[in-house]
């Protein structure tokens, strides 16, 4: 345990990482302030000192992880013209499916008290729900300009279909499903061709 009054560097990430471990091990019902701080190896009151209450902490955790997922996709549009379109899209799918974002998103279902807090964050623009869709669209439009995606293709609709298919697969089979890569490659081929 950390001694009282001692500053802990990177305490937010330490608590966020601990909460993810507790969530994956014990499910949403196991996410208590005490369980999280015990897992993080910090004083019990630290979570409340930094976030006010558990719902404030969990909302901050979800927002942090959603931003991280969007950042993992940031470089996708810069890949236009390199490798193959299918390989680049697959790299984007893998970035989108990395981490535990879907397990964390299930918290909103298990803890309805989080919904208003997340709604405030979305309303203030702290998190953009369509960020990954816009990134895939930008990438596909860049490939269209290079002639590697047909000019008549609706890049925004293709991006929505790809992100939706990824989320559906992750929700129904999970991010560790061994068939993720092959199934999503088939989806990409169906959407854009070989």
N, C-alpha and C. Protein backbone atom coordinates (compact mmCIF):
# COMPACT_ATOMS: atom_id res chain seq x y z
N UNK A 1 0.83 -1.18 0.00
CA UNK A 1 0.00 0.00 0.00
C UNK A 1 0.87 1.25 0.00
N UNK A 2 0.36 2.29 -0.61
CA UNK A 2 1.12 3.53 -0.64
C UNK A 2 0.91 4.29 0.67
N UNK A 3 1.98 4.88 1.22
CA UNK A 3 1.83 5.65 2.44
C UNK A 3 1.02 6.91 2.19
N UNK A 4 0.32 7.37 3.21
CA UNK A 4 -0.49 8.57 3.11
C UNK A 4 0.39 9.77 2.76
N UNK A 5 -0.08 10.59 1.81
CA UNK A 5 0.64 11.80 1.45
C UNK A 5 1.75 11.61 0.45
N UNK A 6 2.00 10.38 -0.01
CA UNK A 6 3.06 10.13 -0.98
C UNK A 6 2.46 10.16 -2.38
N UNK A 7 3.01 10.99 -3.25
CA UNK A 7 2.52 11.09 -4.61
C UNK A 7 2.86 9.83 -5.38
N UNK A 8 1.88 9.32 -6.12
CA UNK A 8 2.10 8.12 -6.94
C UNK A 8 2.05 8.55 -8.41
N UNK A 9 3.18 8.46 -9.11
CA UNK A 9 3.16 8.83 -10.51
C UNK A 9 2.24 7.91 -11.31
N UNK A 10 1.58 8.49 -12.29
CA UNK A 10 0.72 7.71 -13.19
C UNK A 10 -0.40 6.97 -12.45
N UNK A 11 -0.93 7.58 -11.40
CA UNK A 11 -1.94 6.91 -10.60
C UNK A 11 -3.20 6.60 -11.41
N UNK A 12 -3.58 7.50 -12.31
CA UNK A 12 -4.79 7.25 -13.13
C UNK A 12 -4.63 5.95 -13.92
N UNK A 13 -3.53 5.82 -14.64
CA UNK A 13 -3.34 4.62 -15.45
C UNK A 13 -3.19 3.38 -14.58
N UNK A 14 -2.56 3.53 -13.45
CA UNK A 14 -2.41 2.40 -12.53
C UNK A 14 -3.80 1.92 -12.08
N UNK A 15 -4.68 2.85 -11.74
CA UNK A 15 -6.04 2.48 -11.33
C UNK A 15 -6.84 1.94 -12.50
N UNK A 16 -6.69 2.55 -13.67
CA UNK A 16 -7.42 2.07 -14.86
C UNK A 16 -7.00 0.64 -15.20
N UNK A 17 -5.71 0.39 -15.21
CA UNK A 17 -5.22 -0.96 -15.53
C UNK A 17 -5.72 -1.98 -14.51
N UNK A 18 -5.71 -1.58 -13.23
CA UNK A 18 -6.18 -2.48 -12.17
C UNK A 18 -7.67 -2.78 -12.36
N UNK A 19 -8.44 -1.76 -12.70
CA UNK A 19 -9.88 -1.96 -12.90
C UNK A 19 -10.14 -2.93 -14.06
N UNK A 20 -9.37 -2.81 -15.13
CA UNK A 20 -9.53 -3.75 -16.25
C UNK A 20 -9.24 -5.18 -15.82
N UNK A 21 -8.19 -5.35 -15.05
CA UNK A 21 -7.87 -6.71 -14.58
C UNK A 21 -8.98 -7.28 -13.71
N UNK A 22 -9.51 -6.45 -12.81
CA UNK A 22 -10.61 -6.90 -11.94
C UNK A 22 -11.84 -7.22 -12.79
N UNK A 23 -12.15 -6.37 -13.74
CA UNK A 23 -13.31 -6.60 -14.61
C UNK A 23 -13.18 -7.91 -15.37
N UNK A 24 -12.03 -8.17 -15.95
CA UNK A 24 -11.84 -9.39 -16.73
C UNK A 24 -11.85 -10.64 -15.85
N UNK A 25 -11.38 -10.50 -14.64
CA UNK A 25 -11.31 -11.64 -13.74
C UNK A 25 -12.64 -11.89 -13.02
N UNK A 26 -13.32 -10.82 -12.59
CA UNK A 26 -14.49 -10.97 -11.73
C UNK A 26 -15.79 -10.48 -12.34
N UNK A 27 -15.72 -9.83 -13.50
CA UNK A 27 -16.92 -9.30 -14.11
C UNK A 27 -17.33 -7.97 -13.49
N UNK A 28 -18.36 -7.32 -14.05
CA UNK A 28 -18.79 -6.00 -13.57
C UNK A 28 -19.17 -5.98 -12.09
N UNK A 29 -19.72 -7.06 -11.58
CA UNK A 29 -20.14 -7.06 -10.17
C UNK A 29 -18.94 -7.03 -9.22
N UNK A 30 -17.77 -7.40 -9.69
CA UNK A 30 -16.57 -7.39 -8.85
C UNK A 30 -15.86 -6.05 -8.83
N UNK A 31 -16.34 -5.08 -9.61
CA UNK A 31 -15.69 -3.78 -9.68
C UNK A 31 -16.14 -2.90 -8.52
N UNK A 32 -15.46 -3.01 -7.43
CA UNK A 32 -15.70 -2.13 -6.30
C UNK A 32 -14.46 -1.27 -6.13
N UNK A 33 -14.63 -0.15 -5.45
CA UNK A 33 -13.48 0.72 -5.19
C UNK A 33 -12.40 -0.02 -4.44
N UNK A 34 -12.80 -0.80 -3.46
CA UNK A 34 -11.82 -1.55 -2.65
C UNK A 34 -11.08 -2.59 -3.51
N UNK A 35 -11.81 -3.31 -4.38
CA UNK A 35 -11.17 -4.32 -5.23
C UNK A 35 -10.17 -3.67 -6.19
N UNK A 36 -10.55 -2.53 -6.72
CA UNK A 36 -9.68 -1.84 -7.69
C UNK A 36 -8.42 -1.33 -7.00
N UNK A 37 -8.59 -0.65 -5.85
CA UNK A 37 -7.41 -0.11 -5.18
C UNK A 37 -6.52 -1.22 -4.63
N UNK A 38 -7.12 -2.32 -4.19
CA UNK A 38 -6.32 -3.46 -3.73
C UNK A 38 -5.50 -4.00 -4.90
N UNK A 39 -6.14 -4.16 -6.05
CA UNK A 39 -5.44 -4.67 -7.24
C UNK A 39 -4.32 -3.74 -7.66
N UNK A 40 -4.55 -2.43 -7.51
CA UNK A 40 -3.54 -1.44 -7.90
C UNK A 40 -2.44 -1.29 -6.84
N UNK A 41 -2.70 -1.81 -5.63
CA UNK A 41 -1.71 -1.69 -4.57
C UNK A 41 -1.61 -0.29 -4.00
N UNK A 42 -2.75 0.41 -3.95
CA UNK A 42 -2.76 1.79 -3.44
C UNK A 42 -3.77 1.89 -2.30
N UNK A 43 -3.74 3.01 -1.60
CA UNK A 43 -4.66 3.24 -0.49
C UNK A 43 -6.10 3.25 -0.99
N UNK A 44 -7.00 2.76 -0.17
CA UNK A 44 -8.41 2.61 -0.54
C UNK A 44 -9.04 3.94 -0.95
N UNK A 45 -8.74 5.02 -0.28
CA UNK A 45 -9.37 6.30 -0.57
C UNK A 45 -8.83 7.02 -1.80
N UNK A 46 -7.77 6.50 -2.39
CA UNK A 46 -7.14 7.18 -3.52
C UNK A 46 -8.09 7.34 -4.70
N UNK A 47 -8.85 6.32 -4.99
CA UNK A 47 -9.79 6.38 -6.12
C UNK A 47 -10.78 7.51 -5.91
N UNK A 48 -11.34 7.61 -4.71
CA UNK A 48 -12.33 8.65 -4.42
C UNK A 48 -11.69 10.04 -4.38
N UNK A 49 -10.45 10.13 -3.94
CA UNK A 49 -9.76 11.42 -3.92
C UNK A 49 -9.57 11.97 -5.33
N UNK A 50 -9.33 11.09 -6.29
CA UNK A 50 -9.06 11.53 -7.66
C UNK A 50 -10.30 11.63 -8.53
N UNK A 51 -11.32 10.83 -8.23
CA UNK A 51 -12.47 10.76 -9.14
C UNK A 51 -13.82 11.06 -8.47
N UNK A 52 -13.84 11.29 -7.20
CA UNK A 52 -15.09 11.60 -6.52
C UNK A 52 -15.85 10.37 -6.06
N UNK A 53 -16.20 9.52 -6.98
CA UNK A 53 -16.91 8.29 -6.64
C UNK A 53 -16.61 7.22 -7.68
N UNK A 54 -17.12 6.03 -7.46
CA UNK A 54 -16.82 4.91 -8.35
C UNK A 54 -17.37 5.14 -9.75
N UNK A 55 -18.59 5.69 -9.86
CA UNK A 55 -19.14 5.95 -11.18
C UNK A 55 -18.31 6.98 -11.94
N UNK A 56 -17.82 7.99 -11.25
CA UNK A 56 -16.95 8.97 -11.90
C UNK A 56 -15.67 8.32 -12.40
N UNK A 57 -15.13 7.42 -11.60
CA UNK A 57 -13.92 6.69 -12.01
C UNK A 57 -14.21 5.82 -13.22
N UNK A 58 -15.30 5.04 -13.18
CA UNK A 58 -15.60 4.12 -14.28
C UNK A 58 -15.91 4.88 -15.56
N UNK A 59 -16.58 6.02 -15.47
CA UNK A 59 -16.84 6.84 -16.66
C UNK A 59 -15.51 7.33 -17.24
N UNK A 60 -14.60 7.78 -16.37
CA UNK A 60 -13.28 8.24 -16.83
C UNK A 60 -12.51 7.09 -17.48
N UNK A 61 -12.63 5.90 -16.91
CA UNK A 61 -11.97 4.72 -17.48
C UNK A 61 -12.49 4.44 -18.89
N UNK A 62 -13.80 4.42 -19.05
CA UNK A 62 -14.39 4.15 -20.37
C UNK A 62 -13.96 5.20 -21.39
N UNK A 63 -13.96 6.45 -20.99
CA UNK A 63 -13.56 7.52 -21.91
C UNK A 63 -12.09 7.38 -22.28
N UNK A 64 -11.25 7.09 -21.31
CA UNK A 64 -9.82 6.91 -21.58
C UNK A 64 -9.59 5.78 -22.57
N UNK A 65 -10.26 4.66 -22.38
CA UNK A 65 -10.05 3.51 -23.25
C UNK A 65 -10.65 3.73 -24.64
N UNK A 66 -11.76 4.47 -24.73
CA UNK A 66 -12.33 4.79 -26.04
C UNK A 66 -11.39 5.70 -26.83
N UNK A 67 -10.79 6.65 -26.14
CA UNK A 67 -9.81 7.52 -26.81
C UNK A 67 -8.59 6.73 -27.27
N UNK A 68 -8.15 5.79 -26.45
CA UNK A 68 -6.99 4.97 -26.81
C UNK A 68 -7.30 4.14 -28.06
N UNK A 69 -8.51 3.61 -28.14
CA UNK A 69 -8.91 2.82 -29.32
C UNK A 69 -8.89 3.70 -30.57
N UNK A 70 -9.39 4.92 -30.45
CA UNK A 70 -9.38 5.84 -31.60
C UNK A 70 -7.94 6.19 -31.99
N UNK A 71 -7.07 6.39 -31.00
CA UNK A 71 -5.66 6.72 -31.31
C UNK A 71 -4.94 5.57 -32.02
N UNK A 72 -5.31 4.32 -31.69
CA UNK A 72 -4.66 3.19 -32.36
C UNK A 72 -4.95 3.18 -33.86
N UNK A 73 -6.01 3.85 -34.27
CA UNK A 73 -6.37 3.90 -35.69
C UNK A 73 -5.85 5.14 -36.40
N UNK A 74 -5.30 6.09 -35.66
CA UNK A 74 -4.92 7.38 -36.23
C UNK A 74 -4.09 7.30 -37.49
N UNK A 75 -3.18 6.35 -37.58
CA UNK A 75 -2.27 6.31 -38.73
C UNK A 75 -2.85 5.59 -39.94
N UNK A 76 -4.05 5.04 -39.83
CA UNK A 76 -4.61 4.28 -40.96
C UNK A 76 -4.66 5.09 -42.26
N UNK A 77 -5.15 6.34 -42.27
CA UNK A 77 -5.17 7.07 -43.54
C UNK A 77 -3.79 7.29 -44.16
N UNK A 78 -2.74 7.31 -43.34
CA UNK A 78 -1.39 7.52 -43.88
C UNK A 78 -0.86 6.28 -44.57
N UNK A 79 -1.54 5.16 -44.40
CA UNK A 79 -1.11 3.91 -45.05
C UNK A 79 -1.59 3.80 -46.49
N UNK A 80 -2.41 4.73 -46.93
CA UNK A 80 -2.93 4.68 -48.30
C UNK A 80 -1.78 4.60 -49.29
N UNK A 81 -1.89 3.66 -50.21
CA UNK A 81 -0.87 3.47 -51.24
C UNK A 81 0.20 2.48 -50.86
N UNK A 82 0.26 2.08 -49.60
CA UNK A 82 1.25 1.11 -49.14
C UNK A 82 0.55 -0.22 -48.91
N UNK A 83 1.30 -1.30 -48.97
CA UNK A 83 0.76 -2.67 -48.79
C UNK A 83 -0.46 -2.84 -49.68
N UNK A 84 -1.40 -3.66 -49.26
CA UNK A 84 -2.65 -3.80 -50.02
C UNK A 84 -3.77 -3.15 -49.23
N UNK A 85 -4.85 -2.79 -49.91
CA UNK A 85 -6.00 -2.20 -49.23
C UNK A 85 -6.52 -3.18 -48.18
N UNK A 86 -6.63 -4.45 -48.55
CA UNK A 86 -7.14 -5.46 -47.62
C UNK A 86 -6.23 -5.58 -46.39
N UNK A 87 -4.91 -5.58 -46.60
CA UNK A 87 -3.99 -5.67 -45.46
C UNK A 87 -4.11 -4.44 -44.55
N UNK A 88 -4.23 -3.28 -45.15
CA UNK A 88 -4.36 -2.06 -44.35
C UNK A 88 -5.67 -2.05 -43.57
N UNK A 89 -6.75 -2.47 -44.23
CA UNK A 89 -8.03 -2.53 -43.51
C UNK A 89 -7.97 -3.56 -42.38
N UNK A 90 -7.30 -4.66 -42.63
CA UNK A 90 -7.16 -5.68 -41.60
C UNK A 90 -6.36 -5.15 -40.42
N UNK A 91 -5.33 -4.37 -40.68
CA UNK A 91 -4.56 -3.75 -39.60
C UNK A 91 -5.46 -2.81 -38.79
N UNK A 92 -6.35 -2.10 -39.48
CA UNK A 92 -7.31 -1.24 -38.78
C UNK A 92 -8.27 -2.03 -37.93
N UNK A 93 -8.76 -3.16 -38.46
CA UNK A 93 -9.67 -4.03 -37.70
C UNK A 93 -8.96 -4.54 -36.45
N UNK A 94 -7.71 -4.94 -36.59
CA UNK A 94 -6.96 -5.45 -35.45
C UNK A 94 -6.73 -4.36 -34.40
N UNK A 95 -6.48 -3.14 -34.85
CA UNK A 95 -6.33 -2.03 -33.91
C UNK A 95 -7.64 -1.77 -33.19
N UNK A 96 -8.74 -1.85 -33.93
CA UNK A 96 -10.06 -1.62 -33.34
C UNK A 96 -10.42 -2.70 -32.33
N UNK A 97 -9.97 -3.91 -32.56
CA UNK A 97 -10.34 -5.02 -31.68
C UNK A 97 -9.34 -5.24 -30.55
N UNK A 98 -8.25 -4.49 -30.52
CA UNK A 98 -7.27 -4.63 -29.45
C UNK A 98 -7.82 -4.06 -28.15
N UNK A 99 -7.35 -4.56 -27.07
CA UNK A 99 -7.78 -4.04 -25.77
C UNK A 99 -9.09 -4.67 -25.31
N UNK A 100 -9.63 -4.11 -24.28
CA UNK A 100 -10.81 -4.66 -23.64
C UNK A 100 -11.99 -3.71 -23.73
N UNK A 101 -12.06 -2.92 -24.80
CA UNK A 101 -13.08 -1.89 -24.90
C UNK A 101 -14.49 -2.47 -24.83
N UNK A 102 -14.72 -3.62 -25.46
CA UNK A 102 -16.06 -4.18 -25.44
C UNK A 102 -16.43 -4.69 -24.05
N UNK A 103 -15.48 -5.28 -23.34
CA UNK A 103 -15.77 -5.70 -21.97
C UNK A 103 -16.08 -4.49 -21.12
N UNK A 104 -15.35 -3.41 -21.35
CA UNK A 104 -15.60 -2.19 -20.60
C UNK A 104 -16.94 -1.58 -20.97
N UNK A 105 -17.30 -1.64 -22.24
CA UNK A 105 -18.58 -1.08 -22.67
C UNK A 105 -19.74 -1.80 -22.00
N UNK A 106 -19.56 -3.07 -21.69
CA UNK A 106 -20.60 -3.82 -20.98
C UNK A 106 -20.89 -3.26 -19.60
N UNK A 107 -20.00 -2.44 -19.07
CA UNK A 107 -20.24 -1.80 -17.78
C UNK A 107 -21.47 -0.92 -17.81
N UNK A 108 -21.69 -0.25 -18.92
CA UNK A 108 -22.86 0.64 -19.02
C UNK A 108 -24.15 -0.16 -18.89
N UNK A 109 -24.14 -1.40 -19.37
CA UNK A 109 -25.31 -2.25 -19.21
C UNK A 109 -25.44 -2.73 -17.78
N UNK A 110 -24.32 -3.06 -17.15
CA UNK A 110 -24.34 -3.58 -15.79
C UNK A 110 -24.54 -2.48 -14.75
N UNK A 111 -24.13 -1.26 -15.10
CA UNK A 111 -24.25 -0.13 -14.17
C UNK A 111 -24.96 1.03 -14.86
N UNK A 112 -26.27 1.01 -14.88
CA UNK A 112 -27.03 2.08 -15.55
C UNK A 112 -26.70 3.48 -15.03
N UNK A 113 -26.17 3.59 -13.82
CA UNK A 113 -25.82 4.90 -13.27
C UNK A 113 -24.67 5.55 -14.06
N UNK A 114 -23.96 4.78 -14.88
CA UNK A 114 -22.88 5.33 -15.70
C UNK A 114 -23.41 6.07 -16.93
N UNK A 115 -24.57 5.69 -17.41
CA UNK A 115 -25.09 6.22 -18.66
C UNK A 115 -25.17 7.75 -18.66
N UNK A 116 -25.73 8.40 -17.61
CA UNK A 116 -25.75 9.87 -17.65
C UNK A 116 -24.35 10.49 -17.68
N UNK A 117 -23.41 9.88 -16.96
CA UNK A 117 -22.04 10.42 -16.95
C UNK A 117 -21.39 10.30 -18.33
N UNK A 118 -21.62 9.17 -18.98
CA UNK A 118 -21.07 8.99 -20.32
C UNK A 118 -21.77 9.91 -21.30
N UNK A 119 -23.07 10.08 -21.14
CA UNK A 119 -23.82 10.99 -21.99
C UNK A 119 -23.28 12.41 -21.93
N UNK A 120 -22.91 12.85 -20.73
CA UNK A 120 -22.31 14.17 -20.57
C UNK A 120 -21.00 14.26 -21.34
N UNK A 121 -20.18 13.22 -21.23
CA UNK A 121 -18.88 13.22 -21.92
C UNK A 121 -19.08 13.24 -23.43
N UNK A 122 -20.05 12.47 -23.93
CA UNK A 122 -20.30 12.46 -25.37
C UNK A 122 -20.84 13.81 -25.82
N UNK A 123 -21.74 14.38 -25.01
CA UNK A 123 -22.33 15.67 -25.35
C UNK A 123 -21.31 16.79 -25.38
N UNK A 124 -20.31 16.70 -24.53
CA UNK A 124 -19.27 17.72 -24.46
C UNK A 124 -18.18 17.49 -25.51
N UNK A 125 -18.28 16.40 -26.26
CA UNK A 125 -17.28 16.10 -27.28
C UNK A 125 -16.04 15.44 -26.76
N UNK A 126 -16.07 15.00 -25.49
CA UNK A 126 -14.89 14.34 -24.91
C UNK A 126 -14.58 13.03 -25.63
N UNK A 127 -15.62 12.37 -26.13
CA UNK A 127 -15.47 11.14 -26.88
C UNK A 127 -16.38 11.23 -28.10
N UNK A 128 -15.87 10.87 -29.24
CA UNK A 128 -16.67 10.86 -30.46
C UNK A 128 -16.95 9.42 -30.82
N UNK A 129 -18.23 9.04 -30.77
CA UNK A 129 -18.59 7.65 -30.99
C UNK A 129 -18.26 7.16 -32.40
N UNK A 130 -18.21 8.08 -33.35
CA UNK A 130 -17.97 7.66 -34.73
C UNK A 130 -16.52 7.87 -35.18
N UNK A 131 -15.60 8.03 -34.25
CA UNK A 131 -14.21 8.32 -34.60
C UNK A 131 -13.61 7.22 -35.47
N UNK A 132 -13.81 5.96 -35.12
CA UNK A 132 -13.21 4.87 -35.90
C UNK A 132 -13.85 4.80 -37.28
N UNK A 133 -15.13 5.02 -37.36
CA UNK A 133 -15.82 5.02 -38.66
C UNK A 133 -15.26 6.13 -39.56
N UNK A 134 -15.05 7.31 -38.99
CA UNK A 134 -14.50 8.42 -39.78
C UNK A 134 -13.08 8.14 -40.23
N UNK A 135 -12.29 7.46 -39.40
CA UNK A 135 -10.91 7.13 -39.77
C UNK A 135 -10.89 6.13 -40.93
N UNK A 136 -11.73 5.09 -40.86
CA UNK A 136 -11.82 4.14 -41.97
C UNK A 136 -12.30 4.85 -43.24
N UNK A 137 -13.25 5.76 -43.11
CA UNK A 137 -13.74 6.51 -44.27
C UNK A 137 -12.61 7.32 -44.90
N UNK A 138 -11.84 8.02 -44.07
CA UNK A 138 -10.72 8.83 -44.58
C UNK A 138 -9.72 7.95 -45.31
N UNK A 139 -9.44 6.78 -44.75
CA UNK A 139 -8.51 5.86 -45.41
C UNK A 139 -9.05 5.43 -46.77
N UNK A 140 -10.30 4.99 -46.81
CA UNK A 140 -10.88 4.51 -48.07
C UNK A 140 -10.95 5.63 -49.11
N UNK A 141 -11.25 6.83 -48.69
CA UNK A 141 -11.26 7.97 -49.62
C UNK A 141 -9.86 8.25 -50.17
N UNK A 142 -8.84 8.12 -49.32
CA UNK A 142 -7.45 8.30 -49.78
C UNK A 142 -7.10 7.23 -50.81
N UNK A 143 -7.53 6.00 -50.57
CA UNK A 143 -7.28 4.92 -51.55
C UNK A 143 -8.06 5.16 -52.84
N UNK A 144 -9.24 5.75 -52.74
CA UNK A 144 -9.99 6.09 -53.95
C UNK A 144 -9.21 7.09 -54.79
N UNK A 145 -8.65 8.08 -54.15
CA UNK A 145 -7.88 9.10 -54.88
C UNK A 145 -6.67 8.48 -55.59
N UNK A 146 -6.16 7.38 -55.01
CA UNK A 146 -5.02 6.68 -55.61
C UNK A 146 -5.45 5.64 -56.63
N UNK A 147 -6.75 5.44 -56.77
CA UNK A 147 -7.27 4.47 -57.74
C UNK A 147 -7.26 3.03 -57.24
N UNK A 148 -7.05 2.82 -55.95
CA UNK A 148 -7.00 1.46 -55.41
C UNK A 148 -8.36 1.00 -54.85
N UNK A 149 -9.29 1.91 -54.73
CA UNK A 149 -10.68 1.61 -54.40
C UNK A 149 -11.51 2.25 -55.50
N UNK A 150 -12.50 1.53 -56.05
CA UNK A 150 -13.28 2.07 -57.17
C UNK A 150 -13.87 3.45 -56.85
N UNK A 151 -13.84 4.34 -57.85
CA UNK A 151 -14.31 5.72 -57.62
C UNK A 151 -15.79 5.79 -57.22
N UNK A 152 -16.59 4.84 -57.63
CA UNK A 152 -18.01 4.87 -57.31
C UNK A 152 -18.35 4.27 -55.96
N UNK A 153 -17.37 3.74 -55.28
CA UNK A 153 -17.62 3.10 -53.98
C UNK A 153 -18.00 4.16 -52.95
N UNK A 154 -18.95 3.85 -52.11
CA UNK A 154 -19.38 4.74 -51.04
C UNK A 154 -18.50 4.46 -49.82
N UNK A 155 -17.44 5.25 -49.69
CA UNK A 155 -16.44 5.01 -48.64
C UNK A 155 -17.06 5.05 -47.24
N UNK A 156 -17.97 5.98 -47.00
CA UNK A 156 -18.58 6.09 -45.67
C UNK A 156 -19.41 4.85 -45.34
N UNK A 157 -20.14 4.34 -46.31
CA UNK A 157 -20.95 3.14 -46.07
C UNK A 157 -20.07 1.91 -45.89
N UNK A 158 -19.00 1.82 -46.67
CA UNK A 158 -18.06 0.71 -46.49
C UNK A 158 -17.43 0.75 -45.10
N UNK A 159 -17.06 1.94 -44.65
CA UNK A 159 -16.45 2.09 -43.33
C UNK A 159 -17.44 1.68 -42.24
N UNK A 160 -18.69 2.13 -42.37
CA UNK A 160 -19.71 1.77 -41.39
C UNK A 160 -19.91 0.25 -41.35
N UNK A 161 -19.96 -0.37 -42.52
CA UNK A 161 -20.15 -1.82 -42.59
C UNK A 161 -18.97 -2.55 -41.96
N UNK A 162 -17.77 -2.08 -42.20
CA UNK A 162 -16.58 -2.73 -41.65
C UNK A 162 -16.50 -2.58 -40.14
N UNK A 163 -16.73 -1.38 -39.63
CA UNK A 163 -16.71 -1.15 -38.18
C UNK A 163 -17.85 -1.94 -37.53
N UNK A 164 -19.03 -1.92 -38.14
CA UNK A 164 -20.17 -2.66 -37.60
C UNK A 164 -19.91 -4.16 -37.56
N UNK A 165 -19.32 -4.68 -38.63
CA UNK A 165 -19.01 -6.11 -38.67
C UNK A 165 -17.98 -6.47 -37.60
N UNK A 166 -17.00 -5.61 -37.41
CA UNK A 166 -15.99 -5.86 -36.38
C UNK A 166 -16.63 -5.89 -35.00
N UNK A 167 -17.45 -4.89 -34.72
CA UNK A 167 -18.12 -4.86 -33.41
C UNK A 167 -19.03 -6.06 -33.21
N UNK A 168 -19.78 -6.43 -34.23
CA UNK A 168 -20.66 -7.59 -34.12
C UNK A 168 -19.86 -8.86 -33.83
N UNK A 169 -18.76 -9.03 -34.55
CA UNK A 169 -17.92 -10.21 -34.32
C UNK A 169 -17.38 -10.22 -32.90
N UNK A 170 -16.88 -9.08 -32.45
CA UNK A 170 -16.31 -9.00 -31.11
C UNK A 170 -17.36 -9.23 -30.03
N UNK A 171 -18.56 -8.70 -30.25
CA UNK A 171 -19.63 -8.89 -29.26
C UNK A 171 -20.09 -10.34 -29.18
N UNK A 172 -20.11 -11.02 -30.30
CA UNK A 172 -20.64 -12.38 -30.31
C UNK A 172 -19.57 -13.44 -30.08
N UNK A 173 -18.32 -13.15 -30.41
CA UNK A 173 -17.28 -14.16 -30.27
C UNK A 173 -16.11 -13.75 -29.39
N UNK A 174 -15.94 -12.46 -29.19
CA UNK A 174 -14.87 -11.97 -28.32
C UNK A 174 -13.59 -11.69 -29.09
N UNK A 175 -12.74 -10.81 -28.54
CA UNK A 175 -11.51 -10.41 -29.23
C UNK A 175 -10.47 -11.50 -29.35
N UNK A 176 -10.57 -12.54 -28.52
CA UNK A 176 -9.58 -13.61 -28.57
C UNK A 176 -9.99 -14.76 -29.48
N UNK A 177 -11.13 -14.64 -30.15
CA UNK A 177 -11.61 -15.73 -31.00
C UNK A 177 -10.59 -16.02 -32.09
N UNK A 178 -10.19 -17.29 -32.24
CA UNK A 178 -9.13 -17.63 -33.20
C UNK A 178 -9.53 -17.33 -34.66
N UNK A 179 -10.81 -17.30 -34.93
CA UNK A 179 -11.24 -17.09 -36.32
C UNK A 179 -11.42 -15.62 -36.68
N UNK A 180 -11.08 -14.69 -35.77
CA UNK A 180 -11.26 -13.26 -36.03
C UNK A 180 -10.60 -12.83 -37.32
N UNK A 181 -9.32 -13.12 -37.49
CA UNK A 181 -8.59 -12.66 -38.67
C UNK A 181 -9.21 -13.20 -39.96
N UNK A 182 -9.45 -14.49 -40.03
CA UNK A 182 -9.98 -15.06 -41.27
C UNK A 182 -11.38 -14.55 -41.56
N UNK A 183 -12.22 -14.49 -40.55
CA UNK A 183 -13.59 -14.03 -40.78
C UNK A 183 -13.60 -12.57 -41.24
N UNK A 184 -12.81 -11.72 -40.61
CA UNK A 184 -12.79 -10.31 -41.00
C UNK A 184 -12.14 -10.12 -42.36
N UNK A 185 -11.18 -10.96 -42.72
CA UNK A 185 -10.61 -10.89 -44.08
C UNK A 185 -11.69 -11.21 -45.12
N UNK A 186 -12.54 -12.19 -44.82
CA UNK A 186 -13.64 -12.52 -45.74
C UNK A 186 -14.62 -11.36 -45.85
N UNK A 187 -14.88 -10.69 -44.74
CA UNK A 187 -15.77 -9.51 -44.77
C UNK A 187 -15.15 -8.42 -45.63
N UNK A 188 -13.86 -8.18 -45.45
CA UNK A 188 -13.17 -7.14 -46.24
C UNK A 188 -13.23 -7.49 -47.73
N UNK A 189 -12.97 -8.75 -48.08
CA UNK A 189 -13.04 -9.16 -49.49
C UNK A 189 -14.45 -8.95 -50.04
N UNK A 190 -15.45 -9.27 -49.23
CA UNK A 190 -16.85 -9.10 -49.68
C UNK A 190 -17.19 -7.63 -49.90
N UNK A 191 -16.61 -6.77 -49.08
CA UNK A 191 -16.91 -5.35 -49.18
C UNK A 191 -16.14 -4.64 -50.29
N UNK A 192 -14.84 -4.95 -50.42
CA UNK A 192 -14.02 -4.18 -51.36
C UNK A 192 -13.40 -5.02 -52.46
N UNK A 193 -13.55 -6.33 -52.39
CA UNK A 193 -12.92 -7.19 -53.38
C UNK A 193 -11.55 -7.67 -52.90
N UNK A 194 -10.87 -8.46 -53.74
CA UNK A 194 -9.58 -9.05 -53.32
C UNK A 194 -8.50 -8.01 -53.09
